[in-house]
């Protein structure tokens, strides 16, 4: 007996000859790629605006510091230099945050590209059940990693480690204070 109150239950019990798990999987992968691309584009626009603003601020700050150093030595000059130095430190810290955003953006782009390649593989019946194609996809994904921590996550996943274990290891590694430059 079909439940007419629940459309999902109704469609799940009635056979739709055009329905395909593979096609539905590809659609969901495409949706994920589109959402990530849209989010990254929005983030990039905001970060670009902030980057330009901070670049302008550094120029103005340099002018102010140069002007202050030309002032006669007194408490006001010392205070202004101390405050401008503190501001410069905050600007430098913000610029480092932009570098971390850039790394995040690169990772998200890599995920999007990987999902696209996976979607193409799954969408092709000739490739879907071919282990060589899956190995090629893994090699493509592996080749795009630039950070050692990302490579290690990928290798751990291929060795069958759980996502929870991989994330725990990544959290421990990032809390060690090591910063990986790219």
C-alpha atoms as a PDB file:
ATOM      1  CA  UNK A   1       0.000   0.000   0.000  1.00  0.00           C
ATOM      2  CA  UNK A   2       1.404   3.419  -0.985  1.00  0.00           C
ATOM      3  CA  UNK A   3       1.510   6.361   1.349  1.00  0.00           C
ATOM      4  CA  UNK A   4      -0.043   9.224  -0.614  1.00  0.00           C
ATOM      5  CA  UNK A   5       0.964  11.754   2.049  1.00  0.00           C
ATOM      6  CA  UNK A   6       4.681  11.242   1.408  1.00  0.00           C
ATOM      7  CA  UNK A   7       5.760  11.876  -2.214  1.00  0.00           C
ATOM      8  CA  UNK A   8       9.224  10.387  -1.588  1.00  0.00           C
ATOM      9  CA  UNK A   9       7.737   7.154  -0.323  1.00  0.00           C
ATOM     10  CA  UNK A  10       5.386   7.069  -3.279  1.00  0.00           C
ATOM     11  CA  UNK A  11       8.161   7.518  -5.861  1.00  0.00           C
ATOM     12  CA  UNK A  12      10.411   5.025  -4.074  1.00  0.00           C
ATOM     13  CA  UNK A  13       7.820   2.274  -4.335  1.00  0.00           C
ATOM     14  CA  UNK A  14       6.718   2.914  -7.886  1.00  0.00           C
ATOM     15  CA  UNK A  15       9.206   1.913 -10.556  1.00  0.00           C
ATOM     16  CA  UNK A  16      10.417   4.827 -12.672  1.00  0.00           C
ATOM     17  CA  UNK A  17      12.239   3.395 -15.688  1.00  0.00           C
ATOM     18  CA  UNK A  18      14.169   6.646 -16.161  1.00  0.00           C
ATOM     19  CA  UNK A  19      15.475   6.731 -12.568  1.00  0.00           C
ATOM     20  CA  UNK A  20      19.129   5.867 -12.022  1.00  0.00           C
ATOM     21  CA  UNK A  21      21.304   5.857  -8.904  1.00  0.00           C
ATOM     22  CA  UNK A  22      24.251   6.910 -11.004  1.00  0.00           C
ATOM     23  CA  UNK A  23      22.395   9.846 -12.556  1.00  0.00           C
ATOM     24  CA  UNK A  24      21.163  10.937  -9.117  1.00  0.00           C
ATOM     25  CA  UNK A  25      24.714  10.659  -7.738  1.00  0.00           C
ATOM     26  CA  UNK A  26      26.059  12.767 -10.604  1.00  0.00           C
ATOM     27  CA  UNK A  27      23.373  15.389  -9.958  1.00  0.00           C
ATOM     28  CA  UNK A  28      24.291  15.566  -6.274  1.00  0.00           C
ATOM     29  CA  UNK A  29      27.992  15.840  -7.128  1.00  0.00           C
ATOM     30  CA  UNK A  30      27.231  18.616  -9.597  1.00  0.00           C
ATOM     31  CA  UNK A  31      25.156  20.409  -6.968  1.00  0.00           C
ATOM     32  CA  UNK A  32      28.035  20.185  -4.490  1.00  0.00           C
ATOM     33  CA  UNK A  33      30.468  21.574  -7.099  1.00  0.00           C
ATOM     34  CA  UNK A  34      28.131  24.429  -7.985  1.00  0.00           C
ATOM     35  CA  UNK A  35      27.599  25.372  -4.335  1.00  0.00           C
ATOM     36  CA  UNK A  36      31.339  25.309  -3.605  1.00  0.00           C
ATOM     37  CA  UNK A  37      32.130  27.336  -6.707  1.00  0.00           C
ATOM     38  CA  UNK A  38      29.492  29.917  -5.795  1.00  0.00           C
ATOM     39  CA  UNK A  39      30.725  30.151  -2.188  1.00  0.00           C
ATOM     40  CA  UNK A  40      34.353  30.485  -3.298  1.00  0.00           C
ATOM     41  CA  UNK A  41      33.449  33.201  -5.799  1.00  0.00           C
ATOM     42  CA  UNK A  42      31.650  35.175  -3.087  1.00  0.00           C
ATOM     43  CA  UNK A  43      34.559  34.701  -0.698  1.00  0.00           C
ATOM     44  CA  UNK A  44      37.119  35.678  -3.317  1.00  0.00           C
ATOM     45  CA  UNK A  45      35.303  38.934  -4.077  1.00  0.00           C
ATOM     46  CA  UNK A  46      35.215  39.858  -0.387  1.00  0.00           C
ATOM     47  CA  UNK A  47      38.844  38.934   0.182  1.00  0.00           C
ATOM     48  CA  UNK A  48      39.933  40.832  -2.933  1.00  0.00           C
ATOM     49  CA  UNK A  49      38.179  43.940  -1.605  1.00  0.00           C
ATOM     50  CA  UNK A  50      39.772  43.510   1.821  1.00  0.00           C
ATOM     51  CA  UNK A  51      43.208  42.918   0.275  1.00  0.00           C
ATOM     52  CA  UNK A  52      42.989  46.138  -1.706  1.00  0.00           C
ATOM     53  CA  UNK A  53      41.857  47.999   1.432  1.00  0.00           C
ATOM     54  CA  UNK A  54      44.755  46.645   3.482  1.00  0.00           C
ATOM     55  CA  UNK A  55      47.232  47.473   0.727  1.00  0.00           C
ATOM     56  CA  UNK A  56      45.937  51.058   0.751  1.00  0.00           C
ATOM     57  CA  UNK A  57      46.143  51.116   4.557  1.00  0.00           C
ATOM     58  CA  UNK A  58      49.782  49.998   4.459  1.00  0.00           C
ATOM     59  CA  UNK A  59      50.571  52.891   2.102  1.00  0.00           C
ATOM     60  CA  UNK A  60      48.826  55.415   4.352  1.00  0.00           C
ATOM     61  CA  UNK A  61      50.466  53.903   7.430  1.00  0.00           C
ATOM     62  CA  UNK A  62      53.913  54.168   5.876  1.00  0.00           C
ATOM     63  CA  UNK A  63      53.281  57.842   5.075  1.00  0.00           C
ATOM     64  CA  UNK A  64      52.147  58.437   8.662  1.00  0.00           C
ATOM     65  CA  UNK A  65      55.166  56.655  10.142  1.00  0.00           C
ATOM     66  CA  UNK A  66      57.549  58.570   7.880  1.00  0.00           C
ATOM     67  CA  UNK A  67      55.881  61.840   8.911  1.00  0.00           C
ATOM     68  CA  UNK A  68      55.946  60.932  12.613  1.00  0.00           C
ATOM     69  CA  UNK A  69      59.667  60.083  12.531  1.00  0.00           C
ATOM     70  CA  UNK A  70      60.326  63.595  11.235  1.00  0.00           C
ATOM     71  CA  UNK A  71      58.605  65.133  14.268  1.00  0.00           C
ATOM     72  CA  UNK A  72      60.573  66.427  17.223  1.00  0.00           C
ATOM     73  CA  UNK A  73      61.290  63.799  19.879  1.00  0.00           C
ATOM     74  CA  UNK A  74      58.616  64.002  22.583  1.00  0.00           C
ATOM     75  CA  UNK A  75      55.887  61.950  24.261  1.00  0.00           C
ATOM     76  CA  UNK A  76      53.408  62.582  21.448  1.00  0.00           C
ATOM     77  CA  UNK A  77      55.861  61.318  18.820  1.00  0.00           C
ATOM     78  CA  UNK A  78      56.632  58.204  20.885  1.00  0.00           C
ATOM     79  CA  UNK A  79      52.905  57.516  21.405  1.00  0.00           C
ATOM     80  CA  UNK A  80      52.104  57.992  17.724  1.00  0.00           C
ATOM     81  CA  UNK A  81      54.970  55.697  16.700  1.00  0.00           C
ATOM     82  CA  UNK A  82      53.866  53.063  19.211  1.00  0.00           C
ATOM     83  CA  UNK A  83      50.284  53.175  17.943  1.00  0.00           C
ATOM     84  CA  UNK A  84      51.307  53.131  14.289  1.00  0.00           C
ATOM     85  CA  UNK A  85      53.619  50.182  14.979  1.00  0.00           C
ATOM     86  CA  UNK A  86      50.742  48.347  16.690  1.00  0.00           C
ATOM     87  CA  UNK A  87      48.483  49.054  13.715  1.00  0.00           C
ATOM     88  CA  UNK A  88      51.173  47.770  11.354  1.00  0.00           C
ATOM     89  CA  UNK A  89      51.359  44.564  13.385  1.00  0.00           C
ATOM     90  CA  UNK A  90      47.592  44.129  13.112  1.00  0.00           C
ATOM     91  CA  UNK A  91      47.703  44.757   9.365  1.00  0.00           C
ATOM     92  CA  UNK A  92      50.501  42.184   8.992  1.00  0.00           C
ATOM     93  CA  UNK A  93      48.417  39.708  11.002  1.00  0.00           C
ATOM     94  CA  UNK A  94      45.414  40.344   8.746  1.00  0.00           C
ATOM     95  CA  UNK A  95      47.572  39.772   5.662  1.00  0.00           C
ATOM     96  CA  UNK A  96      48.634  36.398   7.108  1.00  0.00           C
ATOM     97  CA  UNK A  97      44.939  35.552   7.570  1.00  0.00           C
ATOM     98  CA  UNK A  98      44.425  36.291   3.873  1.00  0.00           C
ATOM     99  CA  UNK A  99      47.211  33.825   3.082  1.00  0.00           C
ATOM    100  CA  UNK A 100      45.385  31.163   5.091  1.00  0.00           C
ATOM    101  CA  UNK A 101      42.195  32.022   3.192  1.00  0.00           C
ATOM    102  CA  UNK A 102      44.140  31.561  -0.040  1.00  0.00           C
ATOM    103  CA  UNK A 103      45.170  28.094   1.130  1.00  0.00           C
ATOM    104  CA  UNK A 104      41.531  27.312   1.978  1.00  0.00           C
ATOM    105  CA  UNK A 105      40.455  28.551  -1.437  1.00  0.00           C
ATOM    106  CA  UNK A 106      43.061  26.353  -3.131  1.00  0.00           C
ATOM    107  CA  UNK A 107      41.854  23.347  -1.157  1.00  0.00           C
ATOM    108  CA  UNK A 108      38.223  24.036  -2.038  1.00  0.00           C
ATOM    109  CA  UNK A 109      39.139  24.386  -5.713  1.00  0.00           C
ATOM    110  CA  UNK A 110      40.946  21.057  -5.507  1.00  0.00           C
ATOM    111  CA  UNK A 111      37.864  19.438  -3.951  1.00  0.00           C
ATOM    112  CA  UNK A 112      35.659  20.911  -6.660  1.00  0.00           C
ATOM    113  CA  UNK A 113      37.984  19.639  -9.398  1.00  0.00           C
ATOM    114  CA  UNK A 114      38.096  16.203  -7.761  1.00  0.00           C
ATOM    115  CA  UNK A 115      34.306  16.081  -7.544  1.00  0.00           C
ATOM    116  CA  UNK A 116      34.061  17.055 -11.196  1.00  0.00           C
ATOM    117  CA  UNK A 117      36.453  14.275 -12.207  1.00  0.00           C
ATOM    118  CA  UNK A 118      34.531  11.805 -10.030  1.00  0.00           C
ATOM    119  CA  UNK A 119      31.253  12.928 -11.542  1.00  0.00           C
ATOM    120  CA  UNK A 120      32.572  12.346 -15.060  1.00  0.00           C
ATOM    121  CA  UNK A 121      33.854   8.905 -14.109  1.00  0.00           C
ATOM    122  CA  UNK A 122      30.578   7.870 -12.463  1.00  0.00           C
ATOM    123  CA  UNK A 123      28.563   9.245 -15.377  1.00  0.00           C
ATOM    124  CA  UNK A 124      30.414   7.034 -17.883  1.00  0.00           C
ATOM    125  CA  UNK A 125      29.239   3.395 -17.838  1.00  0.00           C
ATOM    126  CA  UNK A 126      32.465   2.351 -19.627  1.00  0.00           C
ATOM    127  CA  UNK A 127      34.612   3.918 -16.899  1.00  0.00           C
ATOM    128  CA  UNK A 128      32.441   3.338 -13.826  1.00  0.00           C
ATOM    129  CA  UNK A 129      33.307  -0.333 -13.354  1.00  0.00           C
ATOM    130  CA  UNK A 130      36.890  -0.117 -14.593  1.00  0.00           C
ATOM    131  CA  UNK A 131      39.461  -0.312 -11.736  1.00  0.00           C
ATOM    132  CA  UNK A 132      42.099   1.294 -13.972  1.00  0.00           C
ATOM    133  CA  UNK A 133      39.896   4.389 -14.314  1.00  0.00           C
ATOM    134  CA  UNK A 134      39.441   4.584 -10.533  1.00  0.00           C
ATOM    135  CA  UNK A 135      43.202   4.272 -10.032  1.00  0.00           C
ATOM    136  CA  UNK A 136      43.745   7.054 -12.600  1.00  0.00           C
ATOM    137  CA  UNK A 137      41.262   9.253 -10.711  1.00  0.00           C
ATOM    138  CA  UNK A 138      43.142   8.632  -7.473  1.00  0.00           C
ATOM    139  CA  UNK A 139      46.454   9.501  -9.150  1.00  0.00           C
ATOM    140  CA  UNK A 140      44.932  12.697 -10.588  1.00  0.00           C
ATOM    141  CA  UNK A 141      43.704  13.712  -7.147  1.00  0.00           C
ATOM    142  CA  UNK A 142      47.009  12.779  -5.479  1.00  0.00           C
ATOM    143  CA  UNK A 143      49.009  14.785  -8.039  1.00  0.00           C
ATOM    144  CA  UNK A 144      47.080  17.954  -7.237  1.00  0.00           C
ATOM    145  CA  UNK A 145      47.928  17.996  -3.535  1.00  0.00           C
ATOM    146  CA  UNK A 146      50.672  20.449  -2.679  1.00  0.00           C
ATOM    147  CA  UNK A 147      50.633  20.337   1.124  1.00  0.00           C
ATOM    148  CA  UNK A 148      52.147  17.385   2.975  1.00  0.00           C
ATOM    149  CA  UNK A 149      49.214  17.330   5.396  1.00  0.00           C
ATOM    150  CA  UNK A 150      46.731  17.013   2.518  1.00  0.00           C
ATOM    151  CA  UNK A 151      48.783  14.241   0.910  1.00  0.00           C
ATOM    152  CA  UNK A 152      48.871  12.394   4.241  1.00  0.00           C
ATOM    153  CA  UNK A 153      45.080  12.686   4.639  1.00  0.00           C
ATOM    154  CA  UNK A 154      44.575  11.261   1.166  1.00  0.00           C
ATOM    155  CA  UNK A 155      46.972   8.356   1.796  1.00  0.00           C
ATOM    156  CA  UNK A 156      45.301   7.611   5.140  1.00  0.00           C
ATOM    157  CA  UNK A 157      41.900   7.555   3.474  1.00  0.00           C
ATOM    158  CA  UNK A 158      43.110   5.163   0.775  1.00  0.00           C
ATOM    159  CA  UNK A 159      44.519   2.901   3.504  1.00  0.00           C
ATOM    160  CA  UNK A 160      41.004   2.705   4.958  1.00  0.00           C
ATOM    161  CA  UNK A 161      41.266   5.009   7.956  1.00  0.00           C
ATOM    162  CA  UNK A 162      38.000   6.521   9.090  1.00  0.00           C
ATOM    163  CA  UNK A 163      37.212  10.189   8.496  1.00  0.00           C
ATOM    164  CA  UNK A 164      37.091  10.696  12.278  1.00  0.00           C
ATOM    165  CA  UNK A 165      40.617   9.287  12.725  1.00  0.00           C
ATOM    166  CA  UNK A 166      41.942  11.343   9.827  1.00  0.00           C
ATOM    167  CA  UNK A 167      40.388  14.554  11.164  1.00  0.00           C
ATOM    168  CA  UNK A 168      41.691  13.843  14.667  1.00  0.00           C
ATOM    169  CA  UNK A 169      45.215  13.375  13.307  1.00  0.00           C
ATOM    170  CA  UNK A 170      44.886  16.606  11.298  1.00  0.00           C
ATOM    171  CA  UNK A 171      43.711  18.489  14.394  1.00  0.00           C
ATOM    172  CA  UNK A 172      46.659  17.205  16.435  1.00  0.00           C
ATOM    173  CA  UNK A 173      49.095  18.128  13.632  1.00  0.00           C
ATOM    174  CA  UNK A 174      47.696  21.656  13.293  1.00  0.00           C
ATOM    175  CA  UNK A 175      47.785  22.209  17.065  1.00  0.00           C
ATOM    176  CA  UNK A 176      51.528  21.450  17.110  1.00  0.00           C
ATOM    177  CA  UNK A 177      52.015  24.983  15.860  1.00  0.00           C
ATOM    178  CA  UNK A 178      53.705  24.001  12.639  1.00  0.00           C
ATOM    179  CA  UNK A 179      52.713  26.218   9.753  1.00  0.00           C
ATOM    180  CA  UNK A 180      53.160  24.765   6.341  1.00  0.00           C
ATOM    181  CA  UNK A 181      54.013  27.442   3.800  1.00  0.00           C
ATOM    182  CA  UNK A 182      52.801  27.002   0.249  1.00  0.00           C
END
